[in-house]
PDB file of all heavy atoms in Angstrom:
ATOM      1  N   ALA A   1      76.896  11.786 -49.273  1.00  0.00           N
ATOM      2  CA  ALA A   1      76.086  11.332 -50.414  1.00  0.00           C
ATOM      3  C   ALA A   1      76.917  11.320 -51.695  1.00  0.00           C
ATOM      4  O   ALA A   1      76.863  10.361 -52.477  1.00  0.00           O
ATOM      5  CB  ALA A   1      74.856  12.223 -50.578  1.00  0.00           C
ATOM      6  N   ALA A   2      77.702  12.362 -51.911  1.00  0.00           N
ATOM      7  CA  ALA A   2      78.553  12.424 -53.107  1.00  0.00           C
ATOM      8  C   ALA A   2      79.600  11.321 -53.093  1.00  0.00           C
ATOM      9  O   ALA A   2      79.854  10.678 -54.118  1.00  0.00           O
ATOM     10  CB  ALA A   2      79.219  13.793 -53.200  1.00  0.00           C
ATOM     11  N   ALA A   3      80.204  11.080 -51.930  1.00  0.00           N
ATOM     12  CA  ALA A   3      81.237  10.043 -51.814  1.00  0.00           C
ATOM     13  C   ALA A   3      80.656   8.655 -52.051  1.00  0.00           C
ATOM     14  O   ALA A   3      81.256   7.837 -52.760  1.00  0.00           O
ATOM     15  CB  ALA A   3      81.893  10.122 -50.434  1.00  0.00           C
ATOM     16  N   LEU A   4      79.499   8.384 -51.463  1.00  0.00           N
ATOM     17  CA  LEU A   4      78.879   7.068 -51.654  1.00  0.00           C
ATOM     18  C   LEU A   4      78.487   6.869 -53.110  1.00  0.00           C
ATOM     19  O   LEU A   4      78.734   5.802 -53.693  1.00  0.00           O
ATOM     20  CB  LEU A   4      77.661   6.913 -50.738  1.00  0.00           C
ATOM     21  CG  LEU A   4      77.928   6.947 -49.227  1.00  0.00           C
ATOM     22  CD1 LEU A   4      76.623   6.773 -48.456  1.00  0.00           C
ATOM     23  CD2 LEU A   4      78.947   5.909 -48.812  1.00  0.00           C
ATOM     24  N   ALA A   5      77.872   7.878 -53.718  1.00  0.00           N
ATOM     25  CA  ALA A   5      77.456   7.772 -55.121  1.00  0.00           C
ATOM     26  C   ALA A   5      78.657   7.581 -56.038  1.00  0.00           C
ATOM     27  O   ALA A   5      78.623   6.752 -56.952  1.00  0.00           O
ATOM     28  CB  ALA A   5      76.658   9.012 -55.523  1.00  0.00           C
ATOM     29  N   GLU A   6      79.714   8.331 -55.809  1.00  0.00           N
ATOM     30  CA  GLU A   6      80.922   8.215 -56.630  1.00  0.00           C
ATOM     31  C   GLU A   6      81.506   6.812 -56.544  1.00  0.00           C
ATOM     32  O   GLU A   6      81.896   6.217 -57.554  1.00  0.00           O
ATOM     33  CB  GLU A   6      81.952   9.250 -56.177  1.00  0.00           C
ATOM     34  CG  GLU A   6      83.233   9.243 -56.968  1.00  0.00           C
ATOM     35  CD  GLU A   6      83.054   9.757 -58.392  1.00  0.00           C
ATOM     36  OE1 GLU A   6      82.218  10.639 -58.627  1.00  0.00           O
ATOM     37  OE2 GLU A   6      83.772   9.255 -59.282  1.00  0.00           O
ATOM     38  N   THR A   7      81.562   6.260 -55.351  1.00  0.00           N
ATOM     39  CA  THR A   7      82.121   4.934 -55.155  1.00  0.00           C
ATOM     40  C   THR A   7      81.240   3.864 -55.804  1.00  0.00           C
ATOM     41  O   THR A   7      81.734   2.950 -56.463  1.00  0.00           O
ATOM     42  CB  THR A   7      82.295   4.635 -53.650  1.00  0.00           C
ATOM     43  OG1 THR A   7      83.047   5.708 -53.060  1.00  0.00           O
ATOM     44  CG2 THR A   7      83.025   3.336 -53.421  1.00  0.00           C
ATOM     45  N   LEU A   8      79.931   3.969 -55.628  1.00  0.00           N
ATOM     46  CA  LEU A   8      79.016   3.000 -56.239  1.00  0.00           C
ATOM     47  C   LEU A   8      79.057   3.095 -57.759  1.00  0.00           C
ATOM     48  O   LEU A   8      79.003   2.071 -58.452  1.00  0.00           O
ATOM     49  CB  LEU A   8      77.587   3.217 -55.732  1.00  0.00           C
ATOM     50  CG  LEU A   8      77.357   2.955 -54.246  1.00  0.00           C
ATOM     51  CD1 LEU A   8      75.920   3.283 -53.860  1.00  0.00           C
ATOM     52  CD2 LEU A   8      77.695   1.511 -53.895  1.00  0.00           C
ATOM     53  N   TRP A   9      79.146   4.308 -58.285  1.00  0.00           N
ATOM     54  CA  TRP A   9      79.202   4.505 -59.734  1.00  0.00           C
ATOM     55  C   TRP A   9      80.465   3.857 -60.301  1.00  0.00           C
ATOM     56  O   TRP A   9      80.433   3.198 -61.339  1.00  0.00           O
ATOM     57  CB  TRP A   9      79.141   5.994 -60.064  1.00  0.00           C
ATOM     58  CG  TRP A   9      78.910   6.259 -61.499  1.00  0.00           C
ATOM     59  CD1 TRP A   9      79.804   6.760 -62.396  1.00  0.00           C
ATOM     60  CD2 TRP A   9      77.700   6.040 -62.233  1.00  0.00           C
ATOM     61  NE1 TRP A   9      79.227   6.867 -63.629  1.00  0.00           N
ATOM     62  CE2 TRP A   9      77.937   6.426 -63.550  1.00  0.00           C
ATOM     63  CE3 TRP A   9      76.439   5.551 -61.880  1.00  0.00           C
ATOM     64  CZ2 TRP A   9      76.968   6.347 -64.549  1.00  0.00           C
ATOM     65  CZ3 TRP A   9      75.467   5.480 -62.868  1.00  0.00           C
ATOM     66  CH2 TRP A   9      75.732   5.864 -64.181  1.00  0.00           C
ATOM     67  N   ALA A  10      81.579   4.034 -59.617  1.00  0.00           N
ATOM     68  CA  ALA A  10      82.833   3.412 -60.056  1.00  0.00           C
ATOM     69  C   ALA A  10      82.736   1.886 -59.979  1.00  0.00           C
ATOM     70  O   ALA A  10      83.190   1.182 -60.883  1.00  0.00           O
ATOM     71  CB  ALA A  10      84.003   3.924 -59.212  1.00  0.00           C
ATOM     72  N   ALA A  11      82.128   1.379 -58.918  1.00  0.00           N
ATOM     73  CA  ALA A  11      81.967  -0.077 -58.777  1.00  0.00           C
ATOM     74  C   ALA A  11      81.096  -0.641 -59.890  1.00  0.00           C
ATOM     75  O   ALA A  11      81.310  -1.761 -60.353  1.00  0.00           O
ATOM     76  CB  ALA A  11      81.357  -0.413 -57.416  1.00  0.00           C
ATOM     77  N   GLY A  12      80.123   0.131 -60.341  1.00  0.00           N
ATOM     78  CA  GLY A  12      79.232  -0.304 -61.407  1.00  0.00           C
ATOM     79  C   GLY A  12      79.805  -0.109 -62.787  1.00  0.00           C
ATOM     80  O   GLY A  12      79.093  -0.284 -63.783  1.00  0.00           O
ATOM     81  N   GLY A  13      81.057   0.266 -62.893  1.00  0.00           N
ATOM     82  CA  GLY A  13      81.706   0.423 -64.177  1.00  0.00           C
ATOM     83  C   GLY A  13      81.323   1.691 -64.911  1.00  0.00           C
ATOM     84  O   GLY A  13      81.517   1.795 -66.119  1.00  0.00           O
ATOM     85  N   GLY A  14      80.737   2.649 -64.219  1.00  0.00           N
ATOM     86  CA  GLY A  14      80.361   3.907 -64.840  1.00  0.00           C
ATOM     87  C   GLY A  14      79.061   3.856 -65.610  1.00  0.00           C
ATOM     88  O   GLY A  14      78.728   4.797 -66.319  1.00  0.00           O
ATOM     89  N   GLY A  15      78.307   2.795 -65.435  1.00  0.00           N
ATOM     90  CA  GLY A  15      77.046   2.686 -66.159  1.00  0.00           C
ATOM     91  C   GLY A  15      75.846   2.420 -65.280  1.00  0.00           C
ATOM     92  O   GLY A  15      74.709   2.444 -65.756  1.00  0.00           O
ATOM     93  N   ARG A  16      76.105   2.181 -64.000  1.00  0.00           N
ATOM     94  CA  ARG A  16      75.000   1.913 -63.087  1.00  0.00           C
ATOM     95  C   ARG A  16      75.468   2.001 -61.639  1.00  0.00           C
ATOM     96  O   ARG A  16      76.654   1.885 -61.350  1.00  0.00           O
ATOM     97  CB  ARG A  16      74.386   0.542 -63.338  1.00  0.00           C
ATOM     98  CG  ARG A  16      75.311  -0.587 -62.943  1.00  0.00           C
ATOM     99  CD  ARG A  16      74.741  -1.949 -63.203  1.00  0.00           C
ATOM    100  NE  ARG A  16      74.618  -2.649 -61.934  1.00  0.00           N
ATOM    101  CZ  ARG A  16      73.672  -3.499 -61.651  1.00  0.00           C
ATOM    102  NH1 ARG A  16      72.757  -3.769 -62.516  1.00  0.00           N
ATOM    103  NH2 ARG A  16      73.625  -4.094 -60.493  1.00  0.00           N
ATOM    104  N   ALA A  17      74.512   2.204 -60.775  1.00  0.00           N
ATOM    105  CA  ALA A  17      74.749   2.171 -59.333  1.00  0.00           C
ATOM    106  C   ALA A  17      73.511   1.565 -58.698  1.00  0.00           C
ATOM    107  O   ALA A  17      72.384   1.838 -59.129  1.00  0.00           O
ATOM    108  CB  ALA A  17      75.000   3.565 -58.778  1.00  0.00           C
ATOM    109  N   VAL A  18      73.714   0.734 -57.710  1.00  0.00           N
ATOM    110  CA  VAL A  18      72.614   0.123 -56.973  1.00  0.00           C
ATOM    111  C   VAL A  18      72.726   0.568 -55.519  1.00  0.00           C
ATOM    112  O   VAL A  18      73.789   0.458 -54.912  1.00  0.00           O
ATOM    113  CB  VAL A  18      72.643  -1.417 -57.070  1.00  0.00           C
ATOM    114  CG1 VAL A  18      71.536  -2.036 -56.236  1.00  0.00           C
ATOM    115  CG2 VAL A  18      72.543  -1.872 -58.521  1.00  0.00           C
ATOM    116  N   VAL A  19      71.627   1.067 -54.993  1.00  0.00           N
ATOM    117  CA  VAL A  19      71.583   1.512 -53.599  1.00  0.00           C
ATOM    118  C   VAL A  19      70.654   0.569 -52.843  1.00  0.00           C
ATOM    119  O   VAL A  19      69.523   0.323 -53.279  1.00  0.00           O
ATOM    120  CB  VAL A  19      71.075   2.967 -53.490  1.00  0.00           C
ATOM    121  CG1 VAL A  19      71.007   3.404 -52.035  1.00  0.00           C
ATOM    122  CG2 VAL A  19      71.964   3.905 -54.291  1.00  0.00           C
ATOM    123  N   CYS A  20      71.144   0.044 -51.738  1.00  0.00           N
ATOM    124  CA  CYS A  20      70.351  -0.853 -50.900  1.00  0.00           C
ATOM    125  C   CYS A  20      69.857  -0.094 -49.672  1.00  0.00           C
ATOM    126  O   CYS A  20      70.646   0.564 -48.998  1.00  0.00           O
ATOM    127  CB  CYS A  20      71.193  -2.043 -50.443  1.00  0.00           C
ATOM    128  SG  CYS A  20      71.785  -3.084 -51.773  1.00  0.00           S
ATOM    129  N   LEU A  21      68.568  -0.212 -49.406  1.00  0.00           N
ATOM    130  CA  LEU A  21      67.974   0.360 -48.201  1.00  0.00           C
ATOM    131  C   LEU A  21      67.167  -0.715 -47.501  1.00  0.00           C
ATOM    132  O   LEU A  21      66.741  -1.690 -48.117  1.00  0.00           O
ATOM    133  CB  LEU A  21      67.063   1.544 -48.554  1.00  0.00           C
ATOM    134  CG  LEU A  21      67.710   2.754 -49.208  1.00  0.00           C
ATOM    135  CD1 LEU A  21      66.662   3.829 -49.463  1.00  0.00           C
ATOM    136  CD2 LEU A  21      68.837   3.313 -48.361  1.00  0.00           C
ATOM    137  N   VAL A  22      66.915  -0.515 -46.226  1.00  0.00           N
ATOM    138  CA  VAL A  22      66.112  -1.458 -45.446  1.00  0.00           C
ATOM    139  C   VAL A  22      64.666  -0.980 -45.456  1.00  0.00           C
ATOM    140  O   VAL A  22      64.392   0.188 -45.199  1.00  0.00           O
ATOM    141  CB  VAL A  22      66.639  -1.566 -43.997  1.00  0.00           C
ATOM    142  CG1 VAL A  22      65.744  -2.449 -43.165  1.00  0.00           C
ATOM    143  CG2 VAL A  22      68.060  -2.087 -43.993  1.00  0.00           C
ATOM    144  N   THR A  23      63.764  -1.890 -45.760  1.00  0.00           N
ATOM    145  CA  THR A  23      62.341  -1.581 -45.781  1.00  0.00           C
ATOM    146  C   THR A  23      61.702  -1.984 -44.460  1.00  0.00           C
ATOM    147  O   THR A  23      62.366  -2.499 -43.566  1.00  0.00           O
ATOM    148  CB  THR A  23      61.641  -2.325 -46.935  1.00  0.00           C
ATOM    149  OG1 THR A  23      61.795  -3.733 -46.721  1.00  0.00           O
ATOM    150  CG2 THR A  23      62.229  -1.933 -48.278  1.00  0.00           C
ATOM    151  N   ALA A  24      60.401  -1.785 -44.374  1.00  0.00           N
ATOM    152  CA  ALA A  24      59.649  -2.163 -43.175  1.00  0.00           C
ATOM    153  C   ALA A  24      59.737  -3.669 -42.959  1.00  0.00           C
ATOM    154  O   ALA A  24      59.939  -4.427 -43.904  1.00  0.00           O
ATOM    155  CB  ALA A  24      58.191  -1.734 -43.324  1.00  0.00           C
ATOM    156  N   PRO A  25      59.576  -4.125 -41.723  1.00  0.00           N
ATOM    157  CA  PRO A  25      59.649  -5.555 -41.437  1.00  0.00           C
ATOM    158  C   PRO A  25      58.626  -6.355 -42.251  1.00  0.00           C
ATOM    159  O   PRO A  25      57.493  -5.943 -42.412  1.00  0.00           O
ATOM    160  CB  PRO A  25      59.324  -5.651 -39.945  1.00  0.00           C
ATOM    161  CG  PRO A  25      59.582  -4.293 -39.403  1.00  0.00           C
ATOM    162  CD  PRO A  25      59.337  -3.333 -40.533  1.00  0.00           C
ATOM    163  N   ILE A  26      59.099  -7.468 -42.779  1.00  0.00           N
ATOM    164  CA  ILE A  26      58.229  -8.395 -43.491  1.00  0.00           C
ATOM    165  C   ILE A  26      58.521  -9.799 -43.010  1.00  0.00           C
ATOM    166  O   ILE A  26      59.568 -10.060 -42.425  1.00  0.00           O
ATOM    167  CB  ILE A  26      58.426  -8.323 -45.022  1.00  0.00           C
ATOM    168  CG1 ILE A  26      59.897  -8.594 -45.379  1.00  0.00           C
ATOM    169  CG2 ILE A  26      57.976  -6.989 -45.575  1.00  0.00           C
ATOM    170  CD1 ILE A  26      60.166  -8.710 -46.859  1.00  0.00           C
ATOM    171  N   THR A  27      57.611 -10.699 -43.248  1.00  0.00           N
ATOM    172  CA  THR A  27      57.805 -12.088 -42.842  1.00  0.00           C
ATOM    173  C   THR A  27      58.251 -12.890 -44.054  1.00  0.00           C
ATOM    174  O   THR A  27      57.533 -12.978 -45.043  1.00  0.00           O
ATOM    175  CB  THR A  27      56.501 -12.684 -42.283  1.00  0.00           C
ATOM    176  OG1 THR A  27      56.062 -11.836 -41.215  1.00  0.00           O
ATOM    177  CG2 THR A  27      56.720 -14.085 -41.785  1.00  0.00           C
ATOM    178  N   VAL A  28      59.459 -13.422 -43.969  1.00  0.00           N
ATOM    179  CA  VAL A  28      60.007 -14.231 -45.044  1.00  0.00           C
ATOM    180  C   VAL A  28      60.538 -15.508 -44.437  1.00  0.00           C
ATOM    181  O   VAL A  28      61.245 -15.480 -43.438  1.00  0.00           O
ATOM    182  CB  VAL A  28      61.158 -13.483 -45.766  1.00  0.00           C
ATOM    183  CG1 VAL A  28      61.819 -14.385 -46.785  1.00  0.00           C
ATOM    184  CG2 VAL A  28      60.662 -12.217 -46.405  1.00  0.00           C
ATOM    185  N   MET A  29      60.194 -16.607 -45.050  1.00  0.00           N
ATOM    186  CA  MET A  29      60.720 -17.891 -44.595  1.00  0.00           C
ATOM    187  C   MET A  29      62.044 -18.134 -45.311  1.00  0.00           C
ATOM    188  O   MET A  29      62.095 -18.090 -46.537  1.00  0.00           O
ATOM    189  CB  MET A  29      59.740 -19.026 -44.912  1.00  0.00           C
ATOM    190  CG  MET A  29      58.409 -18.888 -44.159  1.00  0.00           C
ATOM    191  SD  MET A  29      58.596 -18.800 -42.371  1.00  0.00           S
ATOM    192  CE  MET A  29      59.239 -20.395 -42.017  1.00  0.00           C
ATOM    193  N   PRO A  30      63.140 -18.369 -44.572  1.00  0.00           N
ATOM    194  CA  PRO A  30      64.423 -18.598 -45.214  1.00  0.00           C
ATOM    195  C   PRO A  30      64.415 -19.891 -46.021  1.00  0.00           C
ATOM    196  O   PRO A  30      63.726 -20.849 -45.670  1.00  0.00           O
ATOM    197  CB  PRO A  30      65.405 -18.666 -44.050  1.00  0.00           C
ATOM    198  CG  PRO A  30      64.587 -18.949 -42.848  1.00  0.00           C
ATOM    199  CD  PRO A  30      63.207 -18.434 -43.122  1.00  0.00           C
ATOM    200  N   HIS A  31      65.193 -19.897 -47.103  1.00  0.00           N
ATOM    201  CA  HIS A  31      65.325 -21.081 -47.937  1.00  0.00           C
ATOM    202  C   HIS A  31      66.295 -22.046 -47.278  1.00  0.00           C
ATOM    203  O   HIS A  31      67.048 -21.684 -46.385  1.00  0.00           O
ATOM    204  CB  HIS A  31      65.813 -20.690 -49.331  1.00  0.00           C
ATOM    205  CG  HIS A  31      64.839 -19.795 -50.049  1.00  0.00           C
ATOM    206  ND1 HIS A  31      63.636 -20.249 -50.529  1.00  0.00           N
ATOM    207  CD2 HIS A  31      64.897 -18.481 -50.339  1.00  0.00           C
ATOM    208  CE1 HIS A  31      62.987 -19.250 -51.103  1.00  0.00           C
ATOM    209  NE2 HIS A  31      63.729 -18.158 -50.990  1.00  0.00           N
ATOM    210  N   GLY A  32      66.285 -23.294 -47.709  1.00  0.00           N
ATOM    211  CA  GLY A  32      67.115 -24.344 -47.119  1.00  0.00           C
ATOM    212  C   GLY A  32      68.548 -23.934 -46.877  1.00  0.00           C
ATOM    213  O   GLY A  32      69.209 -23.394 -47.748  1.00  0.00           O
ATOM    214  N   GLY A  33      69.032 -24.160 -45.686  1.00  0.00           N
ATOM    215  CA  GLY A  33      70.404 -23.863 -45.325  1.00  0.00           C
ATOM    216  C   GLY A  33      70.653 -22.427 -44.894  1.00  0.00           C
ATOM    217  O   GLY A  33      71.730 -22.101 -44.420  1.00  0.00           O
ATOM    218  N   CYS A  34      69.695 -21.546 -45.063  1.00  0.00           N
ATOM    219  CA  CYS A  34      69.852 -20.140 -44.674  1.00  0.00           C
ATOM    220  C   CYS A  34      69.089 -19.881 -43.387  1.00  0.00           C
ATOM    221  O   CYS A  34      68.099 -20.540 -43.100  1.00  0.00           O
ATOM    222  CB  CYS A  34      69.328 -19.217 -45.767  1.00  0.00           C
ATOM    223  SG  CYS A  34      70.263 -19.324 -47.287  1.00  0.00           S
ATOM    224  N   ARG A  35      69.536 -18.903 -42.665  1.00  0.00           N
ATOM    225  CA  ARG A  35      68.844 -18.553 -41.438  1.00  0.00           C
ATOM    226  C   ARG A  35      68.480 -17.078 -41.497  1.00  0.00           C
ATOM    227  O   ARG A  35      69.261 -16.253 -41.951  1.00  0.00           O
ATOM    228  CB  ARG A  35      69.757 -18.947 -40.295  1.00  0.00           C
ATOM    229  CG  ARG A  35      69.960 -18.054 -39.186  1.00  0.00           C
ATOM    230  CD  ARG A  35      71.043 -18.576 -38.272  1.00  0.00           C
ATOM    231  NE  ARG A  35      72.145 -17.660 -38.446  1.00  0.00           N
ATOM    232  CZ  ARG A  35      72.825 -17.138 -37.458  1.00  0.00           C
ATOM    233  NH1 ARG A  35      72.619 -17.510 -36.241  1.00  0.00           N
ATOM    234  NH2 ARG A  35      73.756 -16.275 -37.688  1.00  0.00           N
ATOM    235  N   ALA A  36      67.287 -16.752 -41.055  1.00  0.00           N
ATOM    236  CA  ALA A  36      66.795 -15.369 -41.100  1.00  0.00           C
ATOM    237  C   ALA A  36      67.542 -14.514 -40.080  1.00  0.00           C
ATOM    238  O   ALA A  36      67.846 -14.971 -38.987  1.00  0.00           O
ATOM    239  CB  ALA A  36      65.300 -15.335 -40.817  1.00  0.00           C
ATOM    240  N   ASN A  37      67.845 -13.262 -40.454  1.00  0.00           N
ATOM    241  CA  ASN A  37      68.502 -12.370 -39.509  1.00  0.00           C
ATOM    242  C   ASN A  37      67.736 -11.054 -39.357  1.00  0.00           C
ATOM    243  O   ASN A  37      68.226 -10.137 -38.737  1.00  0.00           O
ATOM    244  CB  ASN A  37      69.961 -12.109 -39.909  1.00  0.00           C
ATOM    245  CG  ASN A  37      70.100 -11.357 -41.214  1.00  0.00           C
ATOM    246  OD1 ASN A  37      69.132 -10.855 -41.778  1.00  0.00           O
ATOM    247  ND2 ASN A  37      71.323 -11.300 -41.712  1.00  0.00           N
ATOM    248  N   SER A  38      66.553 -10.976 -39.948  1.00  0.00           N
ATOM    249  CA  SER A  38      65.654  -9.822 -39.880  1.00  0.00           C
ATOM    250  C   SER A  38      66.264  -8.531 -40.439  1.00  0.00           C
ATOM    251  O   SER A  38      65.751  -7.466 -40.235  1.00  0.00           O
ATOM    252  CB  SER A  38      65.141  -9.583 -38.458  1.00  0.00           C
ATOM    253  OG  SER A  38      66.128  -8.997 -37.649  1.00  0.00           O
ATOM    254  N   PHE A  39      67.367  -8.642 -41.125  1.00  0.00           N
ATOM    255  CA  PHE A  39      67.976  -7.482 -41.776  1.00  0.00           C
ATOM    256  C   PHE A  39      68.064  -7.720 -43.281  1.00  0.00           C
ATOM    257  O   PHE A  39      67.494  -6.975 -44.071  1.00  0.00           O
ATOM    258  CB  PHE A  39      69.363  -7.216 -41.195  1.00  0.00           C
ATOM    259  CG  PHE A  39      70.105  -6.114 -41.884  1.00  0.00           C
ATOM    260  CD1 PHE A  39      69.769  -4.792 -41.659  1.00  0.00           C
ATOM    261  CD2 PHE A  39      71.116  -6.396 -42.786  1.00  0.00           C
ATOM    262  CE1 PHE A  39      70.427  -3.767 -42.316  1.00  0.00           C
ATOM    263  CE2 PHE A  39      71.782  -5.377 -43.438  1.00  0.00           C
ATOM    264  CZ  PHE A  39      71.439  -4.069 -43.204  1.00  0.00           C
ATOM    265  N   THR A  40      68.760  -8.763 -43.648  1.00  0.00           N
ATOM    266  CA  THR A  40      68.963  -9.065 -45.062  1.00  0.00           C
ATOM    267  C   THR A  40      67.635  -9.255 -45.787  1.00  0.00           C
ATOM    268  O   THR A  40      67.482  -8.829 -46.929  1.00  0.00           O
ATOM    269  CB  THR A  40      69.841 -10.316 -45.213  1.00  0.00           C
ATOM    270  OG1 THR A  40      71.047 -10.126 -44.482  1.00  0.00           O
ATOM    271  CG2 THR A  40      70.175 -10.587 -46.668  1.00  0.00           C
TER     272      THR A  40
END
């Protein structure tokens, strides 16, 4: 946790960090040219 936070903080320039997590399955229609992969 410390290593991930430190790396994300550095990537954000020392002013922010964004953490991505996967939520419960939802139904989304992909936009033109994109294909759904049920993860992104």
